[in-house]
Amino acid sequence: MTRQHFERLVEEALQTIPKRFRDAMQNVAVVVEDDPAPALLDDMEIEPGDTLYGLYQGTPLPERGWTEAQRLPDRITIFQRPIEEDAEDEDDMFAIVAETVIHEFGHYFGLSEEEIGEIEERYWRGEDQDS
C-alpha cells in the first residue's frame, strides 16, 4: 500500500474518534513512519517478534501545568509496516489503524490502559461514545 493511501486510512480513523474527544484534541501531530526503530523497541522492552503499531510522545493533558501553554506539539506516530504485515486485508488494516489511533489518543488524554480498553470495546460494539 502506498504511503498516501495509508495516510488516508489514518485520516479516516481519526474521524472515528468520538466528537467530544476530537473537539478537545489540540496541538497534536499525527505522523506515519515505516517501522519503529530497533532502539525504541528495546527501550520499551518489546520482545523480539513483537512490534509496535503506534506511539504517543508528549505530556498527557491531565499532567500539564499552566506554564505549558506555548509548547511543541505532542506526537502520535502510526507505524505502517507492522500494521500492513499483521492485517489480513484492507478492512482489517483499517480496524488496526482505528484501534491504534484511539489507543494513542487515550494516552494523550491521560487515560489508563484499562480505560482505553473500555473505550476500544465500546467502539467495536458500535456504542455511541459522544453522549
C-alpha atoms as a PDB file:
ATOM      1  CA  MET A   1       0.000   0.000   0.000  1.00  0.00           C
ATOM      2  CA  THR A   2       1.318   3.450  -0.802  1.00  0.00           C
ATOM      3  CA  ARG A   3       2.092   5.880   1.980  1.00  0.00           C
ATOM      4  CA  GLN A   4      -0.564   8.257   0.642  1.00  0.00           C
ATOM      5  CA  HIS A   5      -3.256   5.556   0.765  1.00  0.00           C
ATOM      6  CA  PHE A   6      -2.202   4.529   4.278  1.00  0.00           C
ATOM      7  CA  GLU A   7      -2.273   8.147   5.437  1.00  0.00           C
ATOM      8  CA  ARG A   8      -5.862   8.370   4.149  1.00  0.00           C
ATOM      9  CA  LEU A   9      -6.723   5.362   6.338  1.00  0.00           C
ATOM     10  CA  VAL A  10      -5.225   7.197   9.307  1.00  0.00           C
ATOM     11  CA  GLU A  11      -7.267  10.322   8.476  1.00  0.00           C
ATOM     12  CA  GLU A  12     -10.433   8.226   8.240  1.00  0.00           C
ATOM     13  CA  ALA A  13      -9.580   6.573  11.554  1.00  0.00           C
ATOM     14  CA  LEU A  14      -9.176   9.981  13.199  1.00  0.00           C
ATOM     15  CA  GLN A  15     -12.772  10.717  12.223  1.00  0.00           C
ATOM     16  CA  THR A  16     -13.926   7.646  14.186  1.00  0.00           C
ATOM     17  CA  ILE A  17     -12.777   9.218  17.452  1.00  0.00           C
ATOM     18  CA  PRO A  18     -15.861  10.432  19.317  1.00  0.00           C
ATOM     19  CA  LYS A  19     -16.597  14.091  18.609  1.00  0.00           C
ATOM     20  CA  ARG A  20     -16.263  15.183  22.227  1.00  0.00           C
ATOM     21  CA  PHE A  21     -12.659  13.923  22.159  1.00  0.00           C
ATOM     22  CA  ARG A  22     -11.883  15.267  18.663  1.00  0.00           C
ATOM     23  CA  ASP A  23     -13.030  18.714  19.797  1.00  0.00           C
ATOM     24  CA  ALA A  24     -10.582  18.587  22.719  1.00  0.00           C
ATOM     25  CA  MET A  25      -7.551  17.460  20.687  1.00  0.00           C
ATOM     26  CA  GLN A  26      -5.161  20.382  20.263  1.00  0.00           C
ATOM     27  CA  ASN A  27      -1.540  20.764  19.253  1.00  0.00           C
ATOM     28  CA  VAL A  28      -1.029  17.102  18.340  1.00  0.00           C
ATOM     29  CA  ALA A  29       0.876  15.998  15.250  1.00  0.00           C
ATOM     30  CA  VAL A  30      -0.144  12.619  13.832  1.00  0.00           C
ATOM     31  CA  VAL A  31       2.587  11.168  11.616  1.00  0.00           C
ATOM     32  CA  VAL A  32       3.149   7.923   9.765  1.00  0.00           C
ATOM     33  CA  GLU A  33       6.512   6.171   9.767  1.00  0.00           C
ATOM     34  CA  ASP A  34       7.561   2.856   8.237  1.00  0.00           C
ATOM     35  CA  ASP A  35       8.733   0.978  11.344  1.00  0.00           C
ATOM     36  CA  PRO A  36       9.570   1.629  14.970  1.00  0.00           C
ATOM     37  CA  ALA A  37      13.323   1.934  15.444  1.00  0.00           C
ATOM     38  CA  PRO A  38      15.010  -1.109  16.996  1.00  0.00           C
ATOM     39  CA  ALA A  39      16.290   1.094  19.839  1.00  0.00           C
ATOM     40  CA  LEU A  40      12.719   2.207  20.581  1.00  0.00           C
ATOM     41  CA  LEU A  41      11.550  -1.411  20.740  1.00  0.00           C
ATOM     42  CA  ASP A  42      14.449  -2.152  23.109  1.00  0.00           C
ATOM     43  CA  ASP A  43      13.679   0.866  25.296  1.00  0.00           C
ATOM     44  CA  MET A  44      10.045  -0.199  25.549  1.00  0.00           C
ATOM     45  CA  GLU A  45      11.107  -3.792  26.290  1.00  0.00           C
ATOM     46  CA  ILE A  46       9.156  -5.178  23.352  1.00  0.00           C
ATOM     47  CA  GLU A  47      10.171  -8.764  22.806  1.00  0.00           C
ATOM     48  CA  PRO A  48      11.711  -9.898  19.513  1.00  0.00           C
ATOM     49  CA  GLY A  49       8.933 -10.963  17.173  1.00  0.00           C
ATOM     50  CA  ASP A  50       6.511  -8.431  18.698  1.00  0.00           C
ATOM     51  CA  THR A  51       6.136  -4.915  17.399  1.00  0.00           C
ATOM     52  CA  LEU A  52       4.509  -1.563  17.917  1.00  0.00           C
ATOM     53  CA  TYR A  53       1.625  -0.122  15.890  1.00  0.00           C
ATOM     54  CA  GLY A  54       1.657   3.345  17.391  1.00  0.00           C
ATOM     55  CA  LEU A  55       3.340   5.586  19.916  1.00  0.00           C
ATOM     56  CA  TYR A  56       2.282   8.676  21.858  1.00  0.00           C
ATOM     57  CA  GLN A  57       5.055  11.099  22.790  1.00  0.00           C
ATOM     58  CA  GLY A  58       4.223  14.107  24.894  1.00  0.00           C
ATOM     59  CA  THR A  59       2.724  15.178  28.170  1.00  0.00           C
ATOM     60  CA  PRO A  60      -0.803  13.867  28.803  1.00  0.00           C
ATOM     61  CA  LEU A  61      -3.361  16.624  29.273  1.00  0.00           C
ATOM     62  CA  PRO A  62      -4.003  15.954  32.996  1.00  0.00           C
ATOM     63  CA  GLU A  63      -0.286  16.317  33.759  1.00  0.00           C
ATOM     64  CA  ARG A  64       0.128  19.750  32.178  1.00  0.00           C
ATOM     65  CA  GLY A  65       0.561  22.928  34.137  1.00  0.00           C
ATOM     66  CA  TRP A  66      -0.391  26.470  33.227  1.00  0.00           C
ATOM     67  CA  THR A  67       3.221  27.212  32.227  1.00  0.00           C
ATOM     68  CA  GLU A  68       2.995  24.793  29.305  1.00  0.00           C
ATOM     69  CA  ALA A  69       0.746  26.950  27.121  1.00  0.00           C
ATOM     70  CA  GLN A  70       3.414  27.543  24.462  1.00  0.00           C
ATOM     71  CA  ARG A  71       4.857  24.161  23.612  1.00  0.00           C
ATOM     72  CA  LEU A  72       5.795  21.993  20.702  1.00  0.00           C
ATOM     73  CA  PRO A  73       3.037  19.649  19.562  1.00  0.00           C
ATOM     74  CA  ASP A  74       2.652  16.246  21.120  1.00  0.00           C
ATOM     75  CA  ARG A  75       3.270  13.496  18.599  1.00  0.00           C
ATOM     76  CA  ILE A  76       1.395  10.344  17.721  1.00  0.00           C
ATOM     77  CA  THR A  77       3.247   8.057  15.346  1.00  0.00           C
ATOM     78  CA  ILE A  78       1.469   5.291  13.453  1.00  0.00           C
ATOM     79  CA  PHE A  79       3.809   2.608  12.094  1.00  0.00           C
ATOM     80  CA  GLN A  80       2.711   1.443   8.655  1.00  0.00           C
ATOM     81  CA  ARG A  81       4.731  -1.718   8.024  1.00  0.00           C
ATOM     82  CA  PRO A  82       3.791  -3.658  11.203  1.00  0.00           C
ATOM     83  CA  ILE A  83       0.122  -2.883  10.582  1.00  0.00           C
ATOM     84  CA  GLU A  84       0.356  -3.971   6.946  1.00  0.00           C
ATOM     85  CA  GLU A  85       2.150  -7.173   7.938  1.00  0.00           C
ATOM     86  CA  ASP A  86      -0.454  -8.133  10.551  1.00  0.00           C
ATOM     87  CA  ALA A  87      -3.588  -7.149   8.627  1.00  0.00           C
ATOM     88  CA  GLU A  88      -5.439  -9.783   6.627  1.00  0.00           C
ATOM     89  CA  ASP A  89      -6.934  -7.274   4.178  1.00  0.00           C
ATOM     90  CA  GLU A  90      -7.640  -3.552   3.868  1.00  0.00           C
ATOM     91  CA  ASP A  91     -10.688  -3.718   6.148  1.00  0.00           C
ATOM     92  CA  ASP A  92      -8.597  -5.388   8.835  1.00  0.00           C
ATOM     93  CA  MET A  93      -5.874  -2.786   8.269  1.00  0.00           C
ATOM     94  CA  PHE A  94      -8.391  -0.004   8.862  1.00  0.00           C
ATOM     95  CA  ALA A  95      -9.573  -1.731  12.044  1.00  0.00           C
ATOM     96  CA  ILE A  96      -5.994  -1.948  13.360  1.00  0.00           C
ATOM     97  CA  VAL A  97      -5.307   1.675  12.438  1.00  0.00           C
ATOM     98  CA  ALA A  98      -8.552   2.866  14.084  1.00  0.00           C
ATOM     99  CA  GLU A  99      -7.854   0.979  17.296  1.00  0.00           C
ATOM    100  CA  THR A 100      -4.269   2.246  17.347  1.00  0.00           C
ATOM    101  CA  VAL A 101      -5.371   5.849  16.854  1.00  0.00           C
ATOM    102  CA  ILE A 102      -7.952   5.540  19.633  1.00  0.00           C
ATOM    103  CA  HIS A 103      -5.374   3.915  21.907  1.00  0.00           C
ATOM    104  CA  GLU A 104      -2.695   6.564  21.377  1.00  0.00           C
ATOM    105  CA  PHE A 105      -5.137   9.440  21.841  1.00  0.00           C
ATOM    106  CA  GLY A 106      -6.217   7.740  25.046  1.00  0.00           C
ATOM    107  CA  HIS A 107      -2.666   8.287  26.288  1.00  0.00           C
ATOM    108  CA  TYR A 108      -2.868  11.935  25.178  1.00  0.00           C
ATOM    109  CA  PHE A 109      -5.958  12.339  27.357  1.00  0.00           C
ATOM    110  CA  GLY A 110      -4.175  10.665  30.275  1.00  0.00           C
ATOM    111  CA  LEU A 111      -6.402   7.589  30.351  1.00  0.00           C
ATOM    112  CA  SER A 112      -5.221   4.350  31.920  1.00  0.00           C
ATOM    113  CA  GLU A 113      -4.774   1.184  29.863  1.00  0.00           C
ATOM    114  CA  GLU A 114      -7.979  -0.127  31.469  1.00  0.00           C
ATOM    115  CA  GLU A 115      -9.946   2.996  30.495  1.00  0.00           C
ATOM    116  CA  ILE A 116      -8.575   2.862  26.959  1.00  0.00           C
ATOM    117  CA  GLY A 117      -9.555  -0.817  26.722  1.00  0.00           C
ATOM    118  CA  GLU A 118     -13.113   0.022  27.769  1.00  0.00           C
ATOM    119  CA  ILE A 119     -13.346   2.742  25.108  1.00  0.00           C
ATOM    120  CA  GLU A 120     -11.992   0.345  22.470  1.00  0.00           C
ATOM    121  CA  GLU A 121     -14.549  -2.292  23.467  1.00  0.00           C
ATOM    122  CA  ARG A 122     -17.416   0.215  23.226  1.00  0.00           C
ATOM    123  CA  TYR A 123     -16.065   1.365  19.865  1.00  0.00           C
ATOM    124  CA  TRP A 124     -16.069  -2.182  18.456  1.00  0.00           C
ATOM    125  CA  ARG A 125     -19.569  -2.816  19.815  1.00  0.00           C
ATOM    126  CA  GLY A 126     -20.692   0.300  17.957  1.00  0.00           C
ATOM    127  CA  GLU A 127     -21.872   2.068  21.089  1.00  0.00           C
ATOM    128  CA  ASP A 128     -22.319   5.830  20.880  1.00  0.00           C
ATOM    129  CA  GLN A 129     -19.485   7.460  22.793  1.00  0.00           C
ATOM    130  CA  ASP A 130     -20.470  11.056  22.056  1.00  0.00           C
ATOM    131  CA  SER A 131     -23.148  11.170  24.721  1.00  0.00           C
END
